[in-house]
């Protein structure tokens, strides 16, 4: 039986996770992967399932990402595919993409208590697998920055440190064999943090203008946005300024 509505994840704080079970069962085993995806393995959330499959992909030598999903009429997600990073084809014809139609994946379905379980496993790949630490780190799923490091980067950028200095402090460099992070990854995080700061600053500005308009009924605020809905310019004028300008224009 499967649930048809409810929360996105199962709350089971006392249940042993799939990762913990795999580590306990794989102790002393060397002839196969520790994190082997098997039909029937259950998880509390999609994120837990992705972490499990990502650990398996590290052992084998490929990267993973979210694939197709399905929602029912209740807007309840009932199916989620987690696929090899090489699944699919490039629509733009770019030679830089790694996508080449790889079939490897796992399919997750819902349980009756809002958890997830593996219903299908495809292990075959149509491309060469990574066989070293340096090659594995090139996959995006194996080159992610944890929340603590991301918060440290945010604080460094808030103190106006350059991206180069941030990379040096968090240990990012060009030699992927010697450092845990790539400079490109740190730069991408810094770019996302800058976008978040811009959205926060814009929200605070709009909130302040709204407070000023509530206190000054004669105040006007106008925005100009592009075709994608992004703010291009903002103009405001207080009621007192309007009166002053009107008096200056009078003959």
C-alpha atoms as a PDB file:
ATOM      1  CA  UNK A   1       0.000   0.000   0.000  1.00  0.00           C
ATOM      2  CA  UNK A   2       1.129   3.500  -0.797  1.00  0.00           C
ATOM      3  CA  UNK A   3       0.097   6.824   0.693  1.00  0.00           C
ATOM      4  CA  UNK A   4      -1.676   9.273  -1.600  1.00  0.00           C
ATOM      5  CA  UNK A   5      -1.272  12.472   0.418  1.00  0.00           C
ATOM      6  CA  UNK A   6       0.713  13.809   3.339  1.00  0.00           C
ATOM      7  CA  UNK A   7       4.216  15.087   4.184  1.00  0.00           C
ATOM      8  CA  UNK A   8       7.173  14.770   1.822  1.00  0.00           C
ATOM      9  CA  UNK A   9       9.172  12.586   4.215  1.00  0.00           C
ATOM     10  CA  UNK A  10       8.650  10.026   6.966  1.00  0.00           C
ATOM     11  CA  UNK A  11       9.380  10.999  10.556  1.00  0.00           C
ATOM     12  CA  UNK A  12      11.089   8.027  12.190  1.00  0.00           C
ATOM     13  CA  UNK A  13      13.801   9.329  14.562  1.00  0.00           C
ATOM     14  CA  UNK A  14      14.389   5.952  16.221  1.00  0.00           C
ATOM     15  CA  UNK A  15      14.666   3.910  13.032  1.00  0.00           C
ATOM     16  CA  UNK A  16      18.143   2.896  11.885  1.00  0.00           C
ATOM     17  CA  UNK A  17      19.061   4.564   8.614  1.00  0.00           C
ATOM     18  CA  UNK A  18      19.877   2.648   5.445  1.00  0.00           C
ATOM     19  CA  UNK A  19      23.446   4.000   5.532  1.00  0.00           C
ATOM     20  CA  UNK A  20      23.962   2.718   9.085  1.00  0.00           C
ATOM     21  CA  UNK A  21      22.534  -0.690   8.176  1.00  0.00           C
ATOM     22  CA  UNK A  22      24.810  -0.943   5.137  1.00  0.00           C
ATOM     23  CA  UNK A  23      27.889  -0.027   7.171  1.00  0.00           C
ATOM     24  CA  UNK A  24      27.056  -2.614   9.811  1.00  0.00           C
ATOM     25  CA  UNK A  25      26.324  -5.334   7.240  1.00  0.00           C
ATOM     26  CA  UNK A  26      29.389  -4.499   5.151  1.00  0.00           C
ATOM     27  CA  UNK A  27      31.924  -4.738   7.958  1.00  0.00           C
ATOM     28  CA  UNK A  28      34.803  -6.925   6.840  1.00  0.00           C
ATOM     29  CA  UNK A  29      33.327  -7.441   3.373  1.00  0.00           C
ATOM     30  CA  UNK A  30      35.648  -6.680   0.460  1.00  0.00           C
ATOM     31  CA  UNK A  31      34.193  -8.512  -2.525  1.00  0.00           C
ATOM     32  CA  UNK A  32      31.326  -6.079  -3.228  1.00  0.00           C
ATOM     33  CA  UNK A  33      30.159  -2.541  -2.574  1.00  0.00           C
ATOM     34  CA  UNK A  34      29.138  -1.581   0.936  1.00  0.00           C
ATOM     35  CA  UNK A  35      26.281   0.641  -0.231  1.00  0.00           C
ATOM     36  CA  UNK A  36      24.638  -1.733  -2.666  1.00  0.00           C
ATOM     37  CA  UNK A  37      21.209  -0.492  -3.912  1.00  0.00           C
ATOM     38  CA  UNK A  38      18.720  -3.343  -3.579  1.00  0.00           C
ATOM     39  CA  UNK A  39      15.030  -3.444  -4.452  1.00  0.00           C
ATOM     40  CA  UNK A  40      13.051  -3.020  -1.242  1.00  0.00           C
ATOM     41  CA  UNK A  41      15.557  -0.841   0.636  1.00  0.00           C
ATOM     42  CA  UNK A  42      13.546   1.848   2.439  1.00  0.00           C
ATOM     43  CA  UNK A  43      14.378   5.446   3.331  1.00  0.00           C
ATOM     44  CA  UNK A  44      12.762   8.247   5.285  1.00  0.00           C
ATOM     45  CA  UNK A  45      13.210  10.817   2.514  1.00  0.00           C
ATOM     46  CA  UNK A  46      14.425  11.303  -1.030  1.00  0.00           C
ATOM     47  CA  UNK A  47      17.467  13.145   0.315  1.00  0.00           C
ATOM     48  CA  UNK A  48      18.448  10.098   2.375  1.00  0.00           C
ATOM     49  CA  UNK A  49      18.025   7.864  -0.674  1.00  0.00           C
ATOM     50  CA  UNK A  50      20.143  10.196  -2.797  1.00  0.00           C
ATOM     51  CA  UNK A  51      22.893  10.251  -0.159  1.00  0.00           C
ATOM     52  CA  UNK A  52      22.860   6.430  -0.083  1.00  0.00           C
ATOM     53  CA  UNK A  53      23.025   6.138  -3.885  1.00  0.00           C
ATOM     54  CA  UNK A  54      25.711   8.819  -3.988  1.00  0.00           C
ATOM     55  CA  UNK A  55      27.872   6.765  -1.591  1.00  0.00           C
ATOM     56  CA  UNK A  56      27.399   3.757  -3.872  1.00  0.00           C
ATOM     57  CA  UNK A  57      28.313   5.860  -6.922  1.00  0.00           C
ATOM     58  CA  UNK A  58      31.525   6.945  -5.159  1.00  0.00           C
ATOM     59  CA  UNK A  59      32.478   3.307  -4.693  1.00  0.00           C
ATOM     60  CA  UNK A  60      31.717   2.443  -8.318  1.00  0.00           C
ATOM     61  CA  UNK A  61      32.936   5.636 -10.003  1.00  0.00           C
ATOM     62  CA  UNK A  62      30.115   7.838 -11.309  1.00  0.00           C
ATOM     63  CA  UNK A  63      27.956  10.775 -10.246  1.00  0.00           C
ATOM     64  CA  UNK A  64      24.228  11.012  -9.509  1.00  0.00           C
ATOM     65  CA  UNK A  65      21.427  13.557  -9.732  1.00  0.00           C
ATOM     66  CA  UNK A  66      17.650  13.705  -9.440  1.00  0.00           C
ATOM     67  CA  UNK A  67      15.763  12.490 -12.500  1.00  0.00           C
ATOM     68  CA  UNK A  68      12.082  12.409 -13.337  1.00  0.00           C
ATOM     69  CA  UNK A  69       9.416  12.497 -10.662  1.00  0.00           C
ATOM     70  CA  UNK A  70       5.649  12.118 -10.553  1.00  0.00           C
ATOM     71  CA  UNK A  71       2.929  13.812  -8.481  1.00  0.00           C
ATOM     72  CA  UNK A  72      -0.680  12.805  -8.113  1.00  0.00           C
ATOM     73  CA  UNK A  73      -3.782  15.018  -8.085  1.00  0.00           C
ATOM     74  CA  UNK A  74      -3.053  15.915  -4.444  1.00  0.00           C
ATOM     75  CA  UNK A  75       0.321  17.424  -5.442  1.00  0.00           C
ATOM     76  CA  UNK A  76       1.868  14.530  -3.528  1.00  0.00           C
ATOM     77  CA  UNK A  77       5.106  13.182  -4.994  1.00  0.00           C
ATOM     78  CA  UNK A  78       4.690   9.445  -5.492  1.00  0.00           C
ATOM     79  CA  UNK A  79       7.724   8.589  -7.612  1.00  0.00           C
ATOM     80  CA  UNK A  80      11.284   9.860  -7.878  1.00  0.00           C
ATOM     81  CA  UNK A  81      14.138   8.643 -10.069  1.00  0.00           C
ATOM     82  CA  UNK A  82      17.762   9.163  -9.030  1.00  0.00           C
ATOM     83  CA  UNK A  83      19.923   8.681 -12.089  1.00  0.00           C
ATOM     84  CA  UNK A  84      23.507   8.621 -13.260  1.00  0.00           C
ATOM     85  CA  UNK A  85      24.815  12.070 -14.162  1.00  0.00           C
ATOM     86  CA  UNK A  86      25.335  10.804 -17.722  1.00  0.00           C
ATOM     87  CA  UNK A  87      21.659  10.022 -18.256  1.00  0.00           C
ATOM     88  CA  UNK A  88      19.840  11.927 -20.998  1.00  0.00           C
ATOM     89  CA  UNK A  89      21.119  13.669 -24.105  1.00  0.00           C
ATOM     90  CA  UNK A  90      22.372  17.188 -24.701  1.00  0.00           C
ATOM     91  CA  UNK A  91      19.660  19.242 -26.420  1.00  0.00           C
ATOM     92  CA  UNK A  92      22.040  22.063 -27.333  1.00  0.00           C
ATOM     93  CA  UNK A  93      24.628  19.815 -28.983  1.00  0.00           C
ATOM     94  CA  UNK A  94      27.340  20.954 -26.567  1.00  0.00           C
ATOM     95  CA  UNK A  95      30.496  18.849 -26.447  1.00  0.00           C
ATOM     96  CA  UNK A  96      31.142  19.846 -22.813  1.00  0.00           C
ATOM     97  CA  UNK A  97      28.230  17.860 -21.377  1.00  0.00           C
ATOM     98  CA  UNK A  98      28.704  14.373 -19.938  1.00  0.00           C
ATOM     99  CA  UNK A  99      25.200  13.228 -20.860  1.00  0.00           C
ATOM    100  CA  UNK A 100      25.178  10.263 -23.204  1.00  0.00           C
ATOM    101  CA  UNK A 101      22.032   8.317 -22.427  1.00  0.00           C
ATOM    102  CA  UNK A 102      23.337   6.207 -19.535  1.00  0.00           C
ATOM    103  CA  UNK A 103      20.537   3.929 -18.231  1.00  0.00           C
ATOM    104  CA  UNK A 104      21.881   3.473 -14.654  1.00  0.00           C
ATOM    105  CA  UNK A 105      19.371   4.592 -12.014  1.00  0.00           C
ATOM    106  CA  UNK A 106      17.213   3.716  -9.035  1.00  0.00           C
ATOM    107  CA  UNK A 107      13.467   4.350  -8.832  1.00  0.00           C
ATOM    108  CA  UNK A 108      11.815   5.324  -5.562  1.00  0.00           C
ATOM    109  CA  UNK A 109       8.148   4.783  -4.713  1.00  0.00           C
ATOM    110  CA  UNK A 110       6.115   5.763  -1.670  1.00  0.00           C
ATOM    111  CA  UNK A 111       5.353   3.630   1.347  1.00  0.00           C
ATOM    112  CA  UNK A 112       2.101   3.790   3.316  1.00  0.00           C
ATOM    113  CA  UNK A 113       3.766   5.882   6.072  1.00  0.00           C
ATOM    114  CA  UNK A 114       5.188   8.562   3.698  1.00  0.00           C
ATOM    115  CA  UNK A 115       8.612   6.971   3.366  1.00  0.00           C
ATOM    116  CA  UNK A 116      10.308   5.789   0.174  1.00  0.00           C
ATOM    117  CA  UNK A 117      11.613   2.443  -1.070  1.00  0.00           C
ATOM    118  CA  UNK A 118      13.634   1.267  -4.067  1.00  0.00           C
ATOM    119  CA  UNK A 119      11.362  -0.384  -6.623  1.00  0.00           C
ATOM    120  CA  UNK A 120      13.817  -0.655  -9.520  1.00  0.00           C
ATOM    121  CA  UNK A 121      17.592  -0.758  -9.917  1.00  0.00           C
ATOM    122  CA  UNK A 122      19.574  -0.464 -13.165  1.00  0.00           C
ATOM    123  CA  UNK A 123      23.324  -0.932 -12.664  1.00  0.00           C
ATOM    124  CA  UNK A 124      24.601  -1.003 -16.249  1.00  0.00           C
ATOM    125  CA  UNK A 125      26.518   2.042 -17.545  1.00  0.00           C
ATOM    126  CA  UNK A 126      27.368   2.916 -21.143  1.00  0.00           C
ATOM    127  CA  UNK A 127      30.469   4.963 -20.304  1.00  0.00           C
ATOM    128  CA  UNK A 128      33.801   4.569 -18.557  1.00  0.00           C
ATOM    129  CA  UNK A 129      33.714   4.767 -14.760  1.00  0.00           C
ATOM    130  CA  UNK A 130      36.039   6.832 -12.591  1.00  0.00           C
ATOM    131  CA  UNK A 131      38.872   4.880 -11.006  1.00  0.00           C
ATOM    132  CA  UNK A 132      40.607   7.462  -8.814  1.00  0.00           C
ATOM    133  CA  UNK A 133      39.859  10.051  -6.141  1.00  0.00           C
ATOM    134  CA  UNK A 134      40.670  12.912  -8.525  1.00  0.00           C
ATOM    135  CA  UNK A 135      38.292  11.631 -11.198  1.00  0.00           C
ATOM    136  CA  UNK A 136      35.500  11.031  -8.676  1.00  0.00           C
ATOM    137  CA  UNK A 137      35.759  14.623  -7.434  1.00  0.00           C
ATOM    138  CA  UNK A 138      34.938  15.857 -10.934  1.00  0.00           C
ATOM    139  CA  UNK A 139      31.347  14.642 -10.552  1.00  0.00           C
ATOM    140  CA  UNK A 140      29.125  17.388  -9.126  1.00  0.00           C
ATOM    141  CA  UNK A 141      27.482  15.050  -6.617  1.00  0.00           C
ATOM    142  CA  UNK A 142      30.913  14.294  -5.096  1.00  0.00           C
ATOM    143  CA  UNK A 143      32.074  17.891  -4.976  1.00  0.00           C
ATOM    144  CA  UNK A 144      29.390  19.468  -2.800  1.00  0.00           C
ATOM    145  CA  UNK A 145      30.060  21.827   0.074  1.00  0.00           C
ATOM    146  CA  UNK A 146      28.532  20.994   3.445  1.00  0.00           C
ATOM    147  CA  UNK A 147      26.365  23.492   5.325  1.00  0.00           C
ATOM    148  CA  UNK A 148      29.067  24.369   7.877  1.00  0.00           C
ATOM    149  CA  UNK A 149      31.632  25.205   5.179  1.00  0.00           C
ATOM    150  CA  UNK A 150      29.021  27.166   3.221  1.00  0.00           C
ATOM    151  CA  UNK A 151      28.214  29.243   6.311  1.00  0.00           C
ATOM    152  CA  UNK A 152      31.955  29.874   6.816  1.00  0.00           C
ATOM    153  CA  UNK A 153      32.217  31.074   3.196  1.00  0.00           C
ATOM    154  CA  UNK A 154      29.205  33.347   3.714  1.00  0.00           C
ATOM    155  CA  UNK A 155      30.857  34.983   6.722  1.00  0.00           C
ATOM    156  CA  UNK A 156      34.121  35.475   4.821  1.00  0.00           C
ATOM    157  CA  UNK A 157      32.320  37.121   1.899  1.00  0.00           C
ATOM    158  CA  UNK A 158      30.287  39.318   4.283  1.00  0.00           C
ATOM    159  CA  UNK A 159      33.644  40.605   5.530  1.00  0.00           C
ATOM    160  CA  UNK A 160      34.584  41.561   1.950  1.00  0.00           C
ATOM    161  CA  UNK A 161      37.248  38.894   1.439  1.00  0.00           C
ATOM    162  CA  UNK A 162      38.054  38.207  -2.199  1.00  0.00           C
ATOM    163  CA  UNK A 163      37.075  34.891  -3.788  1.00  0.00           C
ATOM    164  CA  UNK A 164      40.758  34.014  -4.157  1.00  0.00           C
ATOM    165  CA  UNK A 165      41.315  34.568  -0.442  1.00  0.00           C
ATOM    166  CA  UNK A 166      38.208  32.515   0.388  1.00  0.00           C
ATOM    167  CA  UNK A 167      39.487  29.638  -1.756  1.00  0.00           C
ATOM    168  CA  UNK A 168      42.789  29.766   0.091  1.00  0.00           C
ATOM    169  CA  UNK A 169      41.143  29.700   3.527  1.00  0.00           C
ATOM    170  CA  UNK A 170      38.797  26.774   2.780  1.00  0.00           C
ATOM    171  CA  UNK A 171      41.548  24.788   1.090  1.00  0.00           C
ATOM    172  CA  UNK A 172      40.394  24.959  -2.518  1.00  0.00           C
ATOM    173  CA  UNK A 173      42.929  24.846  -5.313  1.00  0.00           C
ATOM    174  CA  UNK A 174      43.791  23.482  -8.686  1.00  0.00           C
ATOM    175  CA  UNK A 175      45.389  20.230  -7.498  1.00  0.00           C
ATOM    176  CA  UNK A 176      42.325  18.002  -6.922  1.00  0.00           C
ATOM    177  CA  UNK A 177      44.486  15.217  -5.483  1.00  0.00           C
ATOM    178  CA  UNK A 178      45.620  17.372  -2.574  1.00  0.00           C
ATOM    179  CA  UNK A 179      42.550  19.450  -1.655  1.00  0.00           C
ATOM    180  CA  UNK A 180      38.914  18.566  -0.950  1.00  0.00           C
ATOM    181  CA  UNK A 181      37.309  21.352  -3.011  1.00  0.00           C
ATOM    182  CA  UNK A 182      37.741  22.864  -6.429  1.00  0.00           C
ATOM    183  CA  UNK A 183      37.944  26.607  -6.989  1.00  0.00           C
ATOM    184  CA  UNK A 184      35.019  26.390  -9.415  1.00  0.00           C
ATOM    185  CA  UNK A 185      32.832  24.965  -6.666  1.00  0.00           C
ATOM    186  CA  UNK A 186      33.724  27.759  -4.239  1.00  0.00           C
ATOM    187  CA  UNK A 187      33.115  30.380  -6.949  1.00  0.00           C
ATOM    188  CA  UNK A 188      29.677  28.907  -7.677  1.00  0.00           C
ATOM    189  CA  UNK A 189      28.797  29.025  -3.981  1.00  0.00           C
ATOM    190  CA  UNK A 190      29.961  32.644  -3.754  1.00  0.00           C
ATOM    191  CA  UNK A 191      27.821  33.542  -6.784  1.00  0.00           C
ATOM    192  CA  UNK A 192      24.732  31.935  -5.243  1.00  0.00           C
ATOM    193  CA  UNK A 193      25.370  33.709  -1.936  1.00  0.00           C
ATOM    194  CA  UNK A 194      25.624  37.035  -3.789  1.00  0.00           C
ATOM    195  CA  UNK A 195      22.266  36.373  -5.457  1.00  0.00           C
ATOM    196  CA  UNK A 196      20.711  35.529  -2.090  1.00  0.00           C
ATOM    197  CA  UNK A 197      22.089  38.768  -0.601  1.00  0.00           C
ATOM    198  CA  UNK A 198      20.662  40.771  -3.502  1.00  0.00           C
ATOM    199  CA  UNK A 199      17.226  39.219  -3.007  1.00  0.00           C
ATOM    200  CA  UNK A 200      17.396  39.900   0.736  1.00  0.00           C
ATOM    201  CA  UNK A 201      18.462  43.517   0.182  1.00  0.00           C
ATOM    202  CA  UNK A 202      15.673  44.012  -2.368  1.00  0.00           C
ATOM    203  CA  UNK A 203      13.113  42.590   0.028  1.00  0.00           C
ATOM    204  CA  UNK A 204      14.266  44.885   2.815  1.00  0.00           C
ATOM    205  CA  UNK A 205      14.158  47.881   0.448  1.00  0.00           C
ATOM    206  CA  UNK A 206      10.607  47.110  -0.671  1.00  0.00           C
ATOM    207  CA  UNK A 207       9.521  46.636   2.934  1.00  0.00           C
ATOM    208  CA  UNK A 208      11.036  50.000   3.905  1.00  0.00           C
ATOM    209  CA  UNK A 209       9.367  51.750   0.958  1.00  0.00           C
ATOM    210  CA  UNK A 210       6.033  50.218   1.932  1.00  0.00           C
ATOM    211  CA  UNK A 211       6.412  51.565   5.486  1.00  0.00           C
ATOM    212  CA  UNK A 212       7.239  55.025   4.084  1.00  0.00           C
ATOM    213  CA  UNK A 213       4.197  54.871   1.799  1.00  0.00           C
ATOM    214  CA  UNK A 214       1.926  53.913   4.682  1.00  0.00           C
ATOM    215  CA  UNK A 215       3.136  56.967   6.585  1.00  0.00           C
ATOM    216  CA  UNK A 216       2.977  59.214   3.493  1.00  0.00           C
ATOM    217  CA  UNK A 217      -0.157  58.609   1.365  1.00  0.00           C
ATOM    218  CA  UNK A 218       1.124  60.992  -1.288  1.00  0.00           C
ATOM    219  CA  UNK A 219       4.257  58.947  -1.923  1.00  0.00           C
ATOM    220  CA  UNK A 220       4.657  57.118  -5.264  1.00  0.00           C
ATOM    221  CA  UNK A 221       6.794  54.070  -6.003  1.00  0.00           C
ATOM    222  CA  UNK A 222       7.395  52.678  -9.491  1.00  0.00           C
ATOM    223  CA  UNK A 223       9.338  49.641 -10.707  1.00  0.00           C
ATOM    224  CA  UNK A 224      10.641  48.565 -14.076  1.00  0.00           C
ATOM    225  CA  UNK A 225      11.217  44.873 -14.780  1.00  0.00           C
ATOM    226  CA  UNK A 226      12.485  42.973 -17.813  1.00  0.00           C
ATOM    227  CA  UNK A 227      10.710  40.166 -19.675  1.00  0.00           C
ATOM    228  CA  UNK A 228      11.979  37.621 -17.119  1.00  0.00           C
ATOM    229  CA  UNK A 229      10.539  39.578 -14.210  1.00  0.00           C
ATOM    230  CA  UNK A 230      13.919  40.826 -12.938  1.00  0.00           C
ATOM    231  CA  UNK A 231      14.101  44.321 -11.478  1.00  0.00           C
ATOM    232  CA  UNK A 232      15.817  46.846 -13.729  1.00  0.00           C
ATOM    233  CA  UNK A 233      15.129  50.132 -11.951  1.00  0.00           C
ATOM    234  CA  UNK A 234      13.197  51.596  -9.028  1.00  0.00           C
ATOM    235  CA  UNK A 235      11.937  55.154  -8.538  1.00  0.00           C
ATOM    236  CA  UNK A 236      10.122  56.712  -5.591  1.00  0.00           C
ATOM    237  CA  UNK A 237       8.962  60.212  -4.761  1.00  0.00           C
ATOM    238  CA  UNK A 238       7.602  61.482  -1.432  1.00  0.00           C
ATOM    239  CA  UNK A 239       4.468  63.582  -1.119  1.00  0.00           C
ATOM    240  CA  UNK A 240       6.485  66.584   0.105  1.00  0.00           C
ATOM    241  CA  UNK A 241       8.735  66.370  -2.934  1.00  0.00           C
ATOM    242  CA  UNK A 242       5.688  66.327  -5.206  1.00  0.00           C
ATOM    243  CA  UNK A 243       4.330  69.481  -3.575  1.00  0.00           C
ATOM    244  CA  UNK A 244       7.712  71.210  -3.839  1.00  0.00           C
ATOM    245  CA  UNK A 245       8.087  70.292  -7.500  1.00  0.00           C
ATOM    246  CA  UNK A 246       4.557  71.455  -8.272  1.00  0.00           C
ATOM    247  CA  UNK A 247       5.208  74.849  -6.647  1.00  0.00           C
ATOM    248  CA  UNK A 248       8.393  75.272  -8.694  1.00  0.00           C
ATOM    249  CA  UNK A 249       6.577  74.502 -11.940  1.00  0.00           C
ATOM    250  CA  UNK A 250       3.854  77.115 -11.277  1.00  0.00           C
ATOM    251  CA  UNK A 251       4.348  80.390 -13.285  1.00  0.00           C
END
